[in-house]
């Protein structure tokens, strides 16, 4: 695991608009794309567990990752 976290860049393929964020160690990123959406979040403080419920997930055929 990186000591300083990692950087995530997301680009809207329709508009070309991009946004970059740094993610700290121990955190996470969730990027659902409509119609998929975050429906609920359950947090269990004692164990540090977070349960995310996604709805309308429609998996697409796997695509190759690209590097910029």
PDB file of N, CA and C in Angstrom:
ATOM      1  N   UNK A   1       0.842  -1.182   0.000  1.00  0.00           N
ATOM      2  CA  UNK A   1       0.000   0.000   0.000  1.00  0.00           C
ATOM      3  C   UNK A   1       0.885   1.242   0.000  1.00  0.00           C
ATOM      4  N   UNK A   2       0.559   2.216  -0.817  1.00  0.00           N
ATOM      5  CA  UNK A   2       1.362   3.435  -0.857  1.00  0.00           C
ATOM      6  C   UNK A   2       1.295   4.188   0.472  1.00  0.00           C
ATOM      7  N   UNK A   3       2.426   4.735   0.908  1.00  0.00           N
ATOM      8  CA  UNK A   3       2.470   5.489   2.156  1.00  0.00           C
ATOM      9  C   UNK A   3       1.735   6.817   2.065  1.00  0.00           C
ATOM     10  N   UNK A   4       1.726   7.419   0.878  1.00  0.00           N
ATOM     11  CA  UNK A   4       1.128   8.737   0.696  1.00  0.00           C
ATOM     12  C   UNK A   4      -0.243   8.677   0.036  1.00  0.00           C
ATOM     13  N   UNK A   5      -0.771   7.501  -0.193  1.00  0.00           N
ATOM     14  CA  UNK A   5      -2.045   7.379  -0.885  1.00  0.00           C
ATOM     15  C   UNK A   5      -1.829   7.226  -2.375  1.00  0.00           C
ATOM     16  N   UNK A   6      -2.843   7.606  -3.146  1.00  0.00           N
ATOM     17  CA  UNK A   6      -2.724   7.550  -4.596  1.00  0.00           C
ATOM     18  C   UNK A   6      -3.603   8.632  -5.205  1.00  0.00           C
ATOM     19  N   UNK A   7      -3.393   8.881  -6.485  1.00  0.00           N
ATOM     20  CA  UNK A   7      -4.124   9.920  -7.195  1.00  0.00           C
ATOM     21  C   UNK A   7      -5.041   9.255  -8.222  1.00  0.00           C
ATOM     22  N   UNK A   8      -6.278   9.740  -8.279  1.00  0.00           N
ATOM     23  CA  UNK A   8      -7.265   9.219  -9.223  1.00  0.00           C
ATOM     24  C   UNK A   8      -7.714  10.365 -10.119  1.00  0.00           C
ATOM     25  N   UNK A   9      -7.679  10.147 -11.430  1.00  0.00           N
ATOM     26  CA  UNK A   9      -8.189  11.126 -12.388  1.00  0.00           C
ATOM     27  C   UNK A   9      -9.349  10.496 -13.140  1.00  0.00           C
ATOM     28  N   UNK A  10     -10.450  11.206 -13.199  1.00  0.00           N
ATOM     29  CA  UNK A  10     -11.640  10.736 -13.905  1.00  0.00           C
ATOM     30  C   UNK A  10     -11.958  11.744 -14.993  1.00  0.00           C
ATOM     31  N   UNK A  11     -12.223  11.235 -16.209  1.00  0.00           N
ATOM     32  CA  UNK A  11     -12.535  12.107 -17.341  1.00  0.00           C
ATOM     33  C   UNK A  11     -13.893  11.737 -17.910  1.00  0.00           C
ATOM     34  N   UNK A  12     -14.734  12.732 -18.107  1.00  0.00           N
ATOM     35  CA  UNK A  12     -16.023  12.544 -18.763  1.00  0.00           C
ATOM     36  C   UNK A  12     -15.746  12.403 -20.255  1.00  0.00           C
ATOM     37  N   UNK A  13     -16.036  11.265 -20.828  1.00  0.00           N
ATOM     38  CA  UNK A  13     -15.704  11.004 -22.225  1.00  0.00           C
ATOM     39  C   UNK A  13     -16.558  11.813 -23.194  1.00  0.00           C
ATOM     40  N   UNK A  14     -17.715  12.306 -22.730  1.00  0.00           N
ATOM     41  CA  UNK A  14     -18.559  13.140 -23.590  1.00  0.00           C
ATOM     42  C   UNK A  14     -18.061  14.580 -23.645  1.00  0.00           C
ATOM     43  N   UNK A  15     -17.676  15.136 -22.490  1.00  0.00           N
ATOM     44  CA  UNK A  15     -17.319  16.554 -22.429  1.00  0.00           C
ATOM     45  C   UNK A  15     -15.810  16.801 -22.386  1.00  0.00           C
ATOM     46  N   UNK A  16     -15.041  15.780 -22.015  1.00  0.00           N
ATOM     47  CA  UNK A  16     -13.597  15.953 -21.861  1.00  0.00           C
ATOM     48  C   UNK A  16     -13.212  16.555 -20.519  1.00  0.00           C
ATOM     49  N   UNK A  17     -14.195  16.903 -19.709  1.00  0.00           N
ATOM     50  CA  UNK A  17     -13.928  17.464 -18.385  1.00  0.00           C
ATOM     51  C   UNK A  17     -13.269  16.400 -17.512  1.00  0.00           C
ATOM     52  N   UNK A  18     -12.229  16.792 -16.790  1.00  0.00           N
ATOM     53  CA  UNK A  18     -11.505  15.848 -15.942  1.00  0.00           C
ATOM     54  C   UNK A  18     -11.343  16.427 -14.550  1.00  0.00           C
ATOM     55  N   UNK A  19     -11.271  15.538 -13.571  1.00  0.00           N
ATOM     56  CA  UNK A  19     -11.049  15.944 -12.189  1.00  0.00           C
ATOM     57  C   UNK A  19     -10.080  14.952 -11.557  1.00  0.00           C
ATOM     58  N   UNK A  20      -9.146  15.464 -10.775  1.00  0.00           N
ATOM     59  CA  UNK A  20      -8.148  14.629 -10.114  1.00  0.00           C
ATOM     60  C   UNK A  20      -8.245  14.846  -8.616  1.00  0.00           C
ATOM     61  N   UNK A  21      -8.194  13.748  -7.877  1.00  0.00           N
ATOM     62  CA  UNK A  21      -8.216  13.800  -6.414  1.00  0.00           C
ATOM     63  C   UNK A  21      -7.142  12.872  -5.865  1.00  0.00           C
ATOM     64  N   UNK A  22      -6.602  13.242  -4.720  1.00  0.00           N
ATOM     65  CA  UNK A  22      -5.665  12.386  -4.016  1.00  0.00           C
ATOM     66  C   UNK A  22      -6.441  11.635  -2.945  1.00  0.00           C
ATOM     67  N   UNK A  23      -6.209  10.331  -2.855  1.00  0.00           N
ATOM     68  CA  UNK A  23      -6.901   9.476  -1.896  1.00  0.00           C
ATOM     69  C   UNK A  23      -5.899   9.069  -0.822  1.00  0.00           C
ATOM     70  N   UNK A  24      -6.229   9.347   0.405  1.00  0.00           N
ATOM     71  CA  UNK A  24      -5.333   9.067   1.525  1.00  0.00           C
ATOM     72  C   UNK A  24      -5.334   7.578   1.870  1.00  0.00           C
ATOM     73  N   UNK A  25      -4.232   7.076   2.445  1.00  0.00           N
ATOM     74  CA  UNK A  25      -4.200   5.687   2.898  1.00  0.00           C
ATOM     75  C   UNK A  25      -5.378   5.409   3.838  1.00  0.00           C
ATOM     76  N   UNK A  26      -6.018   4.277   3.658  1.00  0.00           N
ATOM     77  CA  UNK A  26      -7.151   3.890   4.490  1.00  0.00           C
ATOM     78  C   UNK A  26      -8.488   4.386   3.982  1.00  0.00           C
ATOM     79  N   UNK A  27      -8.489   5.185   2.916  1.00  0.00           N
ATOM     80  CA  UNK A  27      -9.738   5.690   2.356  1.00  0.00           C
ATOM     81  C   UNK A  27     -10.064   4.910   1.087  1.00  0.00           C
ATOM     82  N   UNK A  28     -11.160   5.239   0.429  1.00  0.00           N
ATOM     83  CA  UNK A  28     -11.540   4.528  -0.795  1.00  0.00           C
ATOM     84  C   UNK A  28     -12.217   5.486  -1.754  1.00  0.00           C
ATOM     85  N   UNK A  29     -12.373   5.035  -3.003  1.00  0.00           N
ATOM     86  CA  UNK A  29     -13.051   5.805  -4.037  1.00  0.00           C
ATOM     87  C   UNK A  29     -14.139   4.928  -4.638  1.00  0.00           C
ATOM     88  N   UNK A  30     -15.311   5.482  -4.802  1.00  0.00           N
ATOM     89  CA  UNK A  30     -16.414   4.797  -5.470  1.00  0.00           C
ATOM     90  C   UNK A  30     -16.894   5.733  -6.569  1.00  0.00           C
ATOM     91  N   UNK A  31     -16.878   5.246  -7.810  1.00  0.00           N
ATOM     92  CA  UNK A  31     -17.282   6.078  -8.945  1.00  0.00           C
ATOM     93  C   UNK A  31     -18.356   5.335  -9.737  1.00  0.00           C
ATOM     94  N   UNK A  32     -19.597   5.400  -9.288  1.00  0.00           N
ATOM     95  CA  UNK A  32     -20.660   4.748 -10.056  1.00  0.00           C
ATOM     96  C   UNK A  32     -21.079   5.631 -11.233  1.00  0.00           C
ATOM     97  N   UNK A  33     -21.523   5.010 -12.299  1.00  0.00           N
ATOM     98  CA  UNK A  33     -21.985   5.734 -13.479  1.00  0.00           C
ATOM     99  C   UNK A  33     -23.440   5.368 -13.709  1.00  0.00           C
ATOM    100  N   UNK A  34     -24.285   6.371 -13.912  1.00  0.00           N
ATOM    101  CA  UNK A  34     -25.719   6.130 -14.095  1.00  0.00           C
ATOM    102  C   UNK A  34     -25.960   5.022 -15.110  1.00  0.00           C
ATOM    103  N   UNK A  35     -26.909   4.158 -14.861  1.00  0.00           N
ATOM    104  CA  UNK A  35     -27.913   4.193 -13.810  1.00  0.00           C
ATOM    105  C   UNK A  35     -27.436   3.617 -12.464  1.00  0.00           C
ATOM    106  N   UNK A  36     -26.236   3.070 -12.406  1.00  0.00           N
ATOM    107  CA  UNK A  36     -25.712   2.530 -11.154  1.00  0.00           C
ATOM    108  C   UNK A  36     -25.570   3.676 -10.142  1.00  0.00           C
ATOM    109  N   UNK A  37     -25.994   3.433  -8.896  1.00  0.00           N
ATOM    110  CA  UNK A  37     -25.881   4.486  -7.889  1.00  0.00           C
ATOM    111  C   UNK A  37     -25.749   3.885  -6.493  1.00  0.00           C
ATOM    112  N   UNK A  38     -25.191   4.668  -5.602  1.00  0.00           N
ATOM    113  CA  UNK A  38     -25.051   4.279  -4.202  1.00  0.00           C
ATOM    114  C   UNK A  38     -26.410   4.420  -3.543  1.00  0.00           C
ATOM    115  N   UNK A  39     -26.921   3.305  -3.018  1.00  0.00           N
ATOM    116  CA  UNK A  39     -28.247   3.295  -2.427  1.00  0.00           C
ATOM    117  C   UNK A  39     -28.198   3.503  -0.914  1.00  0.00           C
ATOM    118  N   UNK A  40     -27.208   2.878  -0.257  1.00  0.00           N
ATOM    119  CA  UNK A  40     -27.114   3.037   1.192  1.00  0.00           C
ATOM    120  C   UNK A  40     -25.697   2.744   1.665  1.00  0.00           C
ATOM    121  N   UNK A  41     -25.406   3.252   2.863  1.00  0.00           N
ATOM    122  CA  UNK A  41     -24.111   3.044   3.496  1.00  0.00           C
ATOM    123  C   UNK A  41     -24.364   2.590   4.930  1.00  0.00           C
ATOM    124  N   UNK A  42     -23.725   1.500   5.332  1.00  0.00           N
ATOM    125  CA  UNK A  42     -23.782   1.032   6.722  1.00  0.00           C
ATOM    126  C   UNK A  42     -22.370   1.075   7.274  1.00  0.00           C
ATOM    127  N   UNK A  43     -22.213   1.725   8.418  1.00  0.00           N
ATOM    128  CA  UNK A  43     -20.901   1.848   9.056  1.00  0.00           C
ATOM    129  C   UNK A  43     -20.904   1.082  10.369  1.00  0.00           C
ATOM    130  N   UNK A  44     -19.851   0.305  10.588  1.00  0.00           N
ATOM    131  CA  UNK A  44     -19.672  -0.458  11.808  1.00  0.00           C
ATOM    132  C   UNK A  44     -18.394   0.048  12.468  1.00  0.00           C
ATOM    133  N   UNK A  45     -18.571   1.004  13.375  1.00  0.00           N
ATOM    134  CA  UNK A  45     -17.442   1.730  13.959  1.00  0.00           C
ATOM    135  C   UNK A  45     -16.442   0.822  14.669  1.00  0.00           C
ATOM    136  N   UNK A  46     -16.904  -0.166  15.414  1.00  0.00           N
ATOM    137  CA  UNK A  46     -15.987  -1.027  16.180  1.00  0.00           C
ATOM    138  C   UNK A  46     -15.011  -1.778  15.294  1.00  0.00           C
ATOM    139  N   UNK A  47     -15.485  -2.274  14.167  1.00  0.00           N
ATOM    140  CA  UNK A  47     -14.620  -3.067  13.282  1.00  0.00           C
ATOM    141  C   UNK A  47     -13.999  -2.227  12.169  1.00  0.00           C
ATOM    142  N   UNK A  48     -14.497  -1.000  11.970  1.00  0.00           N
ATOM    143  CA  UNK A  48     -14.000  -0.158  10.881  1.00  0.00           C
ATOM    144  C   UNK A  48     -14.532  -0.589   9.527  1.00  0.00           C
ATOM    145  N   UNK A  49     -15.597  -1.380   9.533  1.00  0.00           N
ATOM    146  CA  UNK A  49     -16.181  -1.894   8.294  1.00  0.00           C
ATOM    147  C   UNK A  49     -17.217  -0.916   7.749  1.00  0.00           C
ATOM    148  N   UNK A  50     -17.201  -0.744   6.432  1.00  0.00           N
ATOM    149  CA  UNK A  50     -18.217   0.059   5.752  1.00  0.00           C
ATOM    150  C   UNK A  50     -18.838  -0.825   4.681  1.00  0.00           C
ATOM    151  N   UNK A  51     -20.172  -0.904   4.677  1.00  0.00           N
ATOM    152  CA  UNK A  51     -20.879  -1.703   3.675  1.00  0.00           C
ATOM    153  C   UNK A  51     -21.627  -0.745   2.756  1.00  0.00           C
ATOM    154  N   UNK A  52     -21.295  -0.811   1.459  1.00  0.00           N
ATOM    155  CA  UNK A  52     -21.927   0.043   0.459  1.00  0.00           C
ATOM    156  C   UNK A  52     -22.901  -0.801  -0.355  1.00  0.00           C
ATOM    157  N   UNK A  53     -24.104  -0.288  -0.551  1.00  0.00           N
ATOM    158  CA  UNK A  53     -25.090  -0.989  -1.373  1.00  0.00           C
ATOM    159  C   UNK A  53     -25.292  -0.198  -2.659  1.00  0.00           C
ATOM    160  N   UNK A  54     -25.006  -0.851  -3.796  1.00  0.00           N
ATOM    161  CA  UNK A  54     -25.190  -0.247  -5.111  1.00  0.00           C
ATOM    162  C   UNK A  54     -26.453  -0.811  -5.739  1.00  0.00           C
ATOM    163  N   UNK A  55     -27.169   0.029  -6.456  1.00  0.00           N
ATOM    164  CA  UNK A  55     -28.360  -0.433  -7.182  1.00  0.00           C
ATOM    165  C   UNK A  55     -28.201  -0.125  -8.655  1.00  0.00           C
ATOM    166  N   UNK A  56     -28.883  -0.909  -9.465  1.00  0.00           N
ATOM    167  CA  UNK A  56     -28.894  -0.779 -10.927  1.00  0.00           C
ATOM    168  C   UNK A  56     -27.519  -1.003 -11.548  1.00  0.00           C
ATOM    169  N   UNK A  57     -26.742  -1.890 -10.933  1.00  0.00           N
ATOM    170  CA  UNK A  57     -25.430  -2.252 -11.495  1.00  0.00           C
ATOM    171  C   UNK A  57     -25.658  -3.155 -12.695  1.00  0.00           C
ATOM    172  N   UNK A  58     -25.105  -2.764 -13.826  1.00  0.00           N
ATOM    173  CA  UNK A  58     -25.245  -3.532 -15.062  1.00  0.00           C
ATOM    174  C   UNK A  58     -23.858  -3.726 -15.652  1.00  0.00           C
ATOM    175  N   UNK A  59     -23.188  -4.801 -15.261  1.00  0.00           N
ATOM    176  CA  UNK A  59     -21.808  -5.012 -15.719  1.00  0.00           C
ATOM    177  C   UNK A  59     -21.705  -5.025 -17.242  1.00  0.00           C
ATOM    178  N   UNK A  60     -20.654  -4.421 -17.731  1.00  0.00           N
ATOM    179  CA  UNK A  60     -20.367  -4.386 -19.159  1.00  0.00           C
ATOM    180  C   UNK A  60     -19.194  -5.320 -19.435  1.00  0.00           C
ATOM    181  N   UNK A  61     -19.010  -5.704 -20.686  1.00  0.00           N
ATOM    182  CA  UNK A  61     -17.839  -6.534 -21.015  1.00  0.00           C
ATOM    183  C   UNK A  61     -16.558  -5.825 -20.576  1.00  0.00           C
ATOM    184  N   UNK A  62     -15.609  -6.587 -20.078  1.00  0.00           N
ATOM    185  CA  UNK A  62     -14.354  -6.020 -19.589  1.00  0.00           C
ATOM    186  C   UNK A  62     -13.609  -5.307 -20.714  1.00  0.00           C
ATOM    187  N   UNK A  63     -13.117  -4.096 -20.391  1.00  0.00           N
ATOM    188  CA  UNK A  63     -12.353  -3.325 -21.361  1.00  0.00           C
ATOM    189  C   UNK A  63     -10.935  -3.178 -20.841  1.00  0.00           C
ATOM    190  N   UNK A  64     -10.009  -3.036 -21.777  1.00  0.00           N
ATOM    191  CA  UNK A  64      -8.608  -2.854 -21.407  1.00  0.00           C
ATOM    192  C   UNK A  64      -8.408  -1.495 -20.758  1.00  0.00           C
ATOM    193  N   UNK A  65      -7.594  -1.470 -19.725  1.00  0.00           N
ATOM    194  CA  UNK A  65      -7.244  -0.198 -19.071  1.00  0.00           C
ATOM    195  C   UNK A  65      -6.287   0.563 -19.972  1.00  0.00           C
ATOM    196  N   UNK A  66      -6.404   1.886 -19.938  1.00  0.00           N
ATOM    197  CA  UNK A  66      -5.487   2.710 -20.717  1.00  0.00           C
ATOM    198  C   UNK A  66      -4.655   3.539 -19.753  1.00  0.00           C
ATOM    199  N   UNK A  67      -3.449   3.860 -20.151  1.00  0.00           N
ATOM    200  CA  UNK A  67      -2.569   4.686 -19.332  1.00  0.00           C
ATOM    201  C   UNK A  67      -2.271   5.962 -20.110  1.00  0.00           C
ATOM    202  N   UNK A  68      -2.382   7.087 -19.389  1.00  0.00           N
ATOM    203  CA  UNK A  68      -2.192   8.384 -20.030  1.00  0.00           C
ATOM    204  C   UNK A  68      -0.798   8.883 -19.996  1.00  0.00           C
TER     205      UNK A  68
END
